[in-house]
Amino acid sequence: MKGQKIKVYTYTRVSTAMPIEGRLEFNRMMEDIKSGKDGVSFVLVFKLSRFGRNAADVLSALQVMQE
């Protein structure tokens, strides 16, 4: 992989006093992944619990990314 560039999205989610309606940035990231917009190979997260609200949410997102 020497000299080869790998494209990565980083995803962070923080808890706030006001809920972010519909996780807009997460949804946009998933749409970009589905469309192949940036040719991203990986999504980097600090903690899996910050990526999804529950196990089903995480598994659903992972399935979309694998496709």
PDB file of N, CA and C in Angstrom:
ATOM      1  N   MET A   1       0.826  -1.194   0.000  1.00  0.00           N
ATOM      2  CA  MET A   1       0.000   0.000   0.000  1.00  0.00           C
ATOM      3  C   MET A   1       0.864   1.250   0.000  1.00  0.00           C
ATOM      4  N   LYS A   2       2.123   1.055  -0.255  1.00  0.00           N
ATOM      5  CA  LYS A   2       3.031   2.185  -0.280  1.00  0.00           C
ATOM      6  C   LYS A   2       2.660   3.131  -1.413  1.00  0.00           C
ATOM      7  N   GLY A   3       2.491   4.391  -1.076  1.00  0.00           N
ATOM      8  CA  GLY A   3       2.156   5.401  -2.061  1.00  0.00           C
ATOM      9  C   GLY A   3       0.681   5.450  -2.433  1.00  0.00           C
ATOM     10  N   GLN A   4      -0.104   4.517  -1.916  1.00  0.00           N
ATOM     11  CA  GLN A   4      -1.536   4.484  -2.211  1.00  0.00           C
ATOM     12  C   GLN A   4      -2.286   5.274  -1.140  1.00  0.00           C
ATOM     13  N   LYS A   5      -3.172   6.148  -1.578  1.00  0.00           N
ATOM     14  CA  LYS A   5      -3.961   6.931  -0.626  1.00  0.00           C
ATOM     15  C   LYS A   5      -5.253   6.195  -0.306  1.00  0.00           C
ATOM     16  N   ILE A   6      -5.569   6.160   0.962  1.00  0.00           N
ATOM     17  CA  ILE A   6      -6.812   5.551   1.429  1.00  0.00           C
ATOM     18  C   ILE A   6      -7.684   6.669   1.973  1.00  0.00           C
ATOM     19  N   LYS A   7      -8.902   6.749   1.484  1.00  0.00           N
ATOM     20  CA  LYS A   7      -9.820   7.794   1.932  1.00  0.00           C
ATOM     21  C   LYS A   7     -10.633   7.298   3.110  1.00  0.00           C
ATOM     22  N   VAL A   8     -10.725   8.160   4.123  1.00  0.00           N
ATOM     23  CA  VAL A   8     -11.375   7.801   5.378  1.00  0.00           C
ATOM     24  C   VAL A   8     -12.285   8.940   5.815  1.00  0.00           C
ATOM     25  N   TYR A   9     -13.476   8.599   6.264  1.00  0.00           N
ATOM     26  CA  TYR A   9     -14.334   9.560   6.955  1.00  0.00           C
ATOM     27  C   TYR A   9     -14.078   9.390   8.450  1.00  0.00           C
ATOM     28  N   THR A  10     -14.096  10.478   9.179  1.00  0.00           N
ATOM     29  CA  THR A  10     -14.096  10.388  10.639  1.00  0.00           C
ATOM     30  C   THR A  10     -15.475  10.844  11.105  1.00  0.00           C
ATOM     31  N   TYR A  11     -16.026  10.118  12.049  1.00  0.00           N
ATOM     32  CA  TYR A  11     -17.354  10.455  12.540  1.00  0.00           C
ATOM     33  C   TYR A  11     -17.313  10.600  14.045  1.00  0.00           C
ATOM     34  N   THR A  12     -17.764  11.738  14.520  1.00  0.00           N
ATOM     35  CA  THR A  12     -17.867  11.972  15.960  1.00  0.00           C
ATOM     36  C   THR A  12     -19.287  12.436  16.265  1.00  0.00           C
ATOM     37  N   ARG A  13     -19.765  12.043  17.405  1.00  0.00           N
ATOM     38  CA  ARG A  13     -21.082  12.466  17.856  1.00  0.00           C
ATOM     39  C   ARG A  13     -20.952  12.793  19.327  1.00  0.00           C
ATOM     40  N   VAL A  14     -21.469  13.931  19.709  1.00  0.00           N
ATOM     41  CA  VAL A  14     -21.401  14.332  21.109  1.00  0.00           C
ATOM     42  C   VAL A  14     -22.807  14.524  21.649  1.00  0.00           C
ATOM     43  N   SER A  15     -22.956  14.281  22.922  1.00  0.00           N
ATOM     44  CA  SER A  15     -24.243  14.508  23.573  1.00  0.00           C
ATOM     45  C   SER A  15     -24.373  15.986  23.882  1.00  0.00           C
ATOM     46  N   THR A  16     -25.558  16.514  23.607  1.00  0.00           N
ATOM     47  CA  THR A  16     -25.828  17.925  23.899  1.00  0.00           C
ATOM     48  C   THR A  16     -27.149  18.027  24.648  1.00  0.00           C
ATOM     49  N   ALA A  17     -27.380  19.183  25.227  1.00  0.00           N
ATOM     50  CA  ALA A  17     -28.640  19.406  25.937  1.00  0.00           C
ATOM     51  C   ALA A  17     -29.806  19.400  24.959  1.00  0.00           C
ATOM     52  N   MET A  18     -29.576  19.886  23.745  1.00  0.00           N
ATOM     53  CA  MET A  18     -30.618  19.910  22.729  1.00  0.00           C
ATOM     54  C   MET A  18     -30.364  18.784  21.728  1.00  0.00           C
ATOM     55  N   PRO A  19     -31.350  17.908  21.542  1.00  0.00           N
ATOM     56  CA  PRO A  19     -31.142  16.803  20.600  1.00  0.00           C
ATOM     57  C   PRO A  19     -31.000  17.298  19.165  1.00  0.00           C
ATOM     58  N   ILE A  20     -30.105  16.666  18.433  1.00  0.00           N
ATOM     59  CA  ILE A  20     -29.934  16.998  17.011  1.00  0.00           C
ATOM     60  C   ILE A  20     -30.944  16.165  16.245  1.00  0.00           C
ATOM     61  N   GLU A  21     -31.890  16.803  15.625  1.00  0.00           N
ATOM     62  CA  GLU A  21     -32.976  16.117  14.929  1.00  0.00           C
ATOM     63  C   GLU A  21     -32.467  15.277  13.772  1.00  0.00           C
ATOM     64  N   GLY A  22     -32.766  14.004  13.809  1.00  0.00           N
ATOM     65  CA  GLY A  22     -32.536  13.126  12.686  1.00  0.00           C
ATOM     66  C   GLY A  22     -31.086  12.836  12.337  1.00  0.00           C
ATOM     67  N   ARG A  23     -30.135  13.230  13.164  1.00  0.00           N
ATOM     68  CA  ARG A  23     -28.709  12.968  12.896  1.00  0.00           C
ATOM     69  C   ARG A  23     -28.358  13.345  11.455  1.00  0.00           C
ATOM     70  N   LEU A  24     -28.555  14.585  11.120  1.00  0.00           N
ATOM     71  CA  LEU A  24     -28.394  15.071   9.747  1.00  0.00           C
ATOM     72  C   LEU A  24     -27.032  14.752   9.149  1.00  0.00           C
ATOM     73  N   GLU A  25     -25.968  14.976   9.890  1.00  0.00           N
ATOM     74  CA  GLU A  25     -24.625  14.732   9.360  1.00  0.00           C
ATOM     75  C   GLU A  25     -24.369  13.239   9.180  1.00  0.00           C
ATOM     76  N   PHE A  26     -24.876  12.423  10.088  1.00  0.00           N
ATOM     77  CA  PHE A  26     -24.740  10.975   9.947  1.00  0.00           C
ATOM     78  C   PHE A  26     -25.455  10.511   8.681  1.00  0.00           C
ATOM     79  N   ASN A  27     -26.675  11.000   8.491  1.00  0.00           N
ATOM     80  CA  ASN A  27     -27.442  10.621   7.304  1.00  0.00           C
ATOM     81  C   ASN A  27     -26.754  11.079   6.022  1.00  0.00           C
ATOM     82  N   ARG A  28     -26.175  12.260   6.049  1.00  0.00           N
ATOM     83  CA  ARG A  28     -25.454  12.743   4.866  1.00  0.00           C
ATOM     84  C   ARG A  28     -24.227  11.871   4.585  1.00  0.00           C
ATOM     85  N   MET A  29     -23.517  11.495   5.639  1.00  0.00           N
ATOM     86  CA  MET A  29     -22.362  10.616   5.472  1.00  0.00           C
ATOM     87  C   MET A  29     -22.787   9.291   4.865  1.00  0.00           C
ATOM     88  N   MET A  30     -23.880   8.711   5.367  1.00  0.00           N
ATOM     89  CA  MET A  30     -24.343   7.429   4.849  1.00  0.00           C
ATOM     90  C   MET A  30     -24.773   7.544   3.389  1.00  0.00           C
ATOM     91  N   GLU A  31     -25.405   8.627   3.016  1.00  0.00           N
ATOM     92  CA  GLU A  31     -25.788   8.830   1.612  1.00  0.00           C
ATOM     93  C   GLU A  31     -24.551   8.969   0.724  1.00  0.00           C
ATOM     94  N   ASP A  32     -23.538   9.671   1.223  1.00  0.00           N
ATOM     95  CA  ASP A  32     -22.283   9.805   0.472  1.00  0.00           C
ATOM     96  C   ASP A  32     -21.615   8.449   0.283  1.00  0.00           C
ATOM     97  N   ILE A  33     -21.661   7.619   1.315  1.00  0.00           N
ATOM     98  CA  ILE A  33     -21.078   6.275   1.223  1.00  0.00           C
ATOM     99  C   ILE A  33     -21.845   5.439   0.210  1.00  0.00           C
ATOM    100  N   LYS A  34     -23.183   5.476   0.288  1.00  0.00           N
ATOM    101  CA  LYS A  34     -24.012   4.708  -0.637  1.00  0.00           C
ATOM    102  C   LYS A  34     -23.749   5.090  -2.088  1.00  0.00           C
ATOM    103  N   SER A  35     -23.570   6.384  -2.323  1.00  0.00           N
ATOM    104  CA  SER A  35     -23.384   6.858  -3.696  1.00  0.00           C
ATOM    105  C   SER A  35     -21.947   6.710  -4.183  1.00  0.00           C
ATOM    106  N   GLY A  36     -21.033   6.415  -3.255  1.00  0.00           N
ATOM    107  CA  GLY A  36     -19.622   6.310  -3.628  1.00  0.00           C
ATOM    108  C   GLY A  36     -18.999   7.658  -3.914  1.00  0.00           C
ATOM    109  N   LYS A  37     -19.577   8.702  -3.376  1.00  0.00           N
ATOM    110  CA  LYS A  37     -19.183  10.083  -3.661  1.00  0.00           C
ATOM    111  C   LYS A  37     -17.679  10.329  -3.548  1.00  0.00           C
ATOM    112  N   ASP A  38     -17.078   9.948  -2.456  1.00  0.00           N
ATOM    113  CA  ASP A  38     -15.669  10.261  -2.222  1.00  0.00           C
ATOM    114  C   ASP A  38     -14.747   9.051  -2.326  1.00  0.00           C
ATOM    115  N   GLY A  39     -15.289   7.900  -2.636  1.00  0.00           N
ATOM    116  CA  GLY A  39     -14.464   6.700  -2.718  1.00  0.00           C
ATOM    117  C   GLY A  39     -13.861   6.313  -1.381  1.00  0.00           C
ATOM    118  N   VAL A  40     -14.626   6.497  -0.325  1.00  0.00           N
ATOM    119  CA  VAL A  40     -14.156   6.243   1.038  1.00  0.00           C
ATOM    120  C   VAL A  40     -14.060   4.741   1.295  1.00  0.00           C
ATOM    121  N   SER A  41     -12.969   4.336   1.921  1.00  0.00           N
ATOM    122  CA  SER A  41     -12.749   2.931   2.246  1.00  0.00           C
ATOM    123  C   SER A  41     -13.111   2.587   3.685  1.00  0.00           C
ATOM    124  N   PHE A  42     -13.002   3.566   4.581  1.00  0.00           N
ATOM    125  CA  PHE A  42     -13.216   3.314   6.002  1.00  0.00           C
ATOM    126  C   PHE A  42     -13.925   4.486   6.654  1.00  0.00           C
ATOM    127  N   VAL A  43     -14.616   4.179   7.776  1.00  0.00           N
ATOM    128  CA  VAL A  43     -15.163   5.218   8.656  1.00  0.00           C
ATOM    129  C   VAL A  43     -14.491   5.015   9.998  1.00  0.00           C
ATOM    130  N   LEU A  44     -13.828   6.035  10.471  1.00  0.00           N
ATOM    131  CA  LEU A  44     -13.103   5.981  11.734  1.00  0.00           C
ATOM    132  C   LEU A  44     -13.960   6.595  12.831  1.00  0.00           C
ATOM    133  N   VAL A  45     -14.173   5.832  13.909  1.00  0.00           N
ATOM    134  CA  VAL A  45     -14.922   6.330  15.063  1.00  0.00           C
ATOM    135  C   VAL A  45     -14.103   6.096  16.324  1.00  0.00           C
ATOM    136  N   PHE A  46     -14.287   6.961  17.294  1.00  0.00           N
ATOM    137  CA  PHE A  46     -13.569   6.830  18.554  1.00  0.00           C
ATOM    138  C   PHE A  46     -14.146   5.691  19.387  1.00  0.00           C
ATOM    139  N   LYS A  47     -15.477   5.648  19.448  1.00  0.00           N
ATOM    140  CA  LYS A  47     -16.173   4.603  20.196  1.00  0.00           C
ATOM    141  C   LYS A  47     -17.373   4.158  19.372  1.00  0.00           C
ATOM    142  N   LEU A  48     -17.556   2.865  19.283  1.00  0.00           N
ATOM    143  CA  LEU A  48     -18.675   2.344  18.516  1.00  0.00           C
ATOM    144  C   LEU A  48     -20.008   2.838  19.078  1.00  0.00           C
ATOM    145  N   SER A  49     -20.075   3.047  20.374  1.00  0.00           N
ATOM    146  CA  SER A  49     -21.322   3.521  20.990  1.00  0.00           C
ATOM    147  C   SER A  49     -21.682   4.930  20.524  1.00  0.00           C
ATOM    148  N   ARG A  50     -20.713   5.688  20.019  1.00  0.00           N
ATOM    149  CA  ARG A  50     -20.989   7.030  19.515  1.00  0.00           C
ATOM    150  C   ARG A  50     -21.426   6.993  18.056  1.00  0.00           C
ATOM    151  N   PHE A  51     -21.192   5.862  17.398  1.00  0.00           N
ATOM    152  CA  PHE A  51     -21.554   5.712  15.991  1.00  0.00           C
ATOM    153  C   PHE A  51     -23.042   5.415  15.830  1.00  0.00           C
ATOM    154  N   GLY A  52     -23.588   4.594  16.720  1.00  0.00           N
ATOM    155  CA  GLY A  52     -24.993   4.235  16.623  1.00  0.00           C
ATOM    156  C   GLY A  52     -25.674   4.283  17.964  1.00  0.00           C
ATOM    157  N   ARG A  53     -26.975   4.408  17.931  1.00  0.00           N
ATOM    158  CA  ARG A  53     -27.738   4.516  19.167  1.00  0.00           C
ATOM    159  C   ARG A  53     -27.930   3.181  19.863  1.00  0.00           C
ATOM    160  N   ASN A  54     -27.899   2.096  19.080  1.00  0.00           N
ATOM    161  CA  ASN A  54     -28.055   0.755  19.637  1.00  0.00           C
ATOM    162  C   ASN A  54     -27.432  -0.246  18.664  1.00  0.00           C
ATOM    163  N   ALA A  55     -27.405  -1.515  19.049  1.00  0.00           N
ATOM    164  CA  ALA A  55     -26.749  -2.532  18.227  1.00  0.00           C
ATOM    165  C   ALA A  55     -27.408  -2.656  16.852  1.00  0.00           C
ATOM    166  N   ALA A  56     -28.729  -2.586  16.805  1.00  0.00           N
ATOM    167  CA  ALA A  56     -29.440  -2.710  15.527  1.00  0.00           C
ATOM    168  C   ALA A  56     -29.075  -1.546  14.598  1.00  0.00           C
ATOM    169  N   ASP A  57     -28.956  -0.363  15.145  1.00  0.00           N
ATOM    170  CA  ASP A  57     -28.581   0.826  14.379  1.00  0.00           C
ATOM    171  C   ASP A  57     -27.176   0.660  13.790  1.00  0.00           C
ATOM    172  N   VAL A  58     -26.250   0.179  14.591  1.00  0.00           N
ATOM    173  CA  VAL A  58     -24.869  -0.034  14.147  1.00  0.00           C
ATOM    174  C   VAL A  58     -24.821  -1.106  13.062  1.00  0.00           C
ATOM    175  N   LEU A  59     -25.504  -2.224  13.285  1.00  0.00           N
ATOM    176  CA  LEU A  59     -25.499  -3.307  12.304  1.00  0.00           C
ATOM    177  C   LEU A  59     -26.117  -2.880  10.979  1.00  0.00           C
ATOM    178  N   SER A  60     -27.164  -2.103  11.036  1.00  0.00           N
ATOM    179  CA  SER A  60     -27.802  -1.601   9.822  1.00  0.00           C
ATOM    180  C   SER A  60     -26.842  -0.716   9.029  1.00  0.00           C
ATOM    181  N   ALA A  61     -26.155   0.183   9.720  1.00  0.00           N
ATOM    182  CA  ALA A  61     -25.195   1.071   9.057  1.00  0.00           C
ATOM    183  C   ALA A  61     -24.033   0.276   8.466  1.00  0.00           C
ATOM    184  N   LEU A  62     -23.545  -0.718   9.194  1.00  0.00           N
ATOM    185  CA  LEU A  62     -22.449  -1.550   8.687  1.00  0.00           C
ATOM    186  C   LEU A  62     -22.862  -2.328   7.443  1.00  0.00           C
ATOM    187  N   GLN A  63     -24.091  -2.797   7.430  1.00  0.00           N
ATOM    188  CA  GLN A  63     -24.574  -3.528   6.259  1.00  0.00           C
ATOM    189  C   GLN A  63     -24.621  -2.613   5.037  1.00  0.00           C
ATOM    190  N   VAL A  64     -25.083  -1.405   5.212  1.00  0.00           N
ATOM    191  CA  VAL A  64     -25.122  -0.431   4.113  1.00  0.00           C
ATOM    192  C   VAL A  64     -23.712  -0.164   3.602  1.00  0.00           C
ATOM    193  N   MET A  65     -22.761  -0.012   4.510  1.00  0.00           N
ATOM    194  CA  MET A  65     -21.374   0.281   4.102  1.00  0.00           C
ATOM    195  C   MET A  65     -20.746  -0.887   3.373  1.00  0.00           C
ATOM    196  N   GLN A  66     -21.069  -2.111   3.757  1.00  0.00           N
ATOM    197  CA  GLN A  66     -20.491  -3.273   3.081  1.00  0.00           C
ATOM    198  C   GLN A  66     -21.016  -3.402   1.660  1.00  0.00           C
ATOM    199  N   GLU A  67     -22.250  -3.001   1.432  1.00  0.00           N
ATOM    200  CA  GLU A  67     -22.829  -3.077   0.103  1.00  0.00           C
ATOM    201  C   GLU A  67     -22.170  -2.074  -0.803  1.00  0.00           C
TER     202      GLU A  67
END
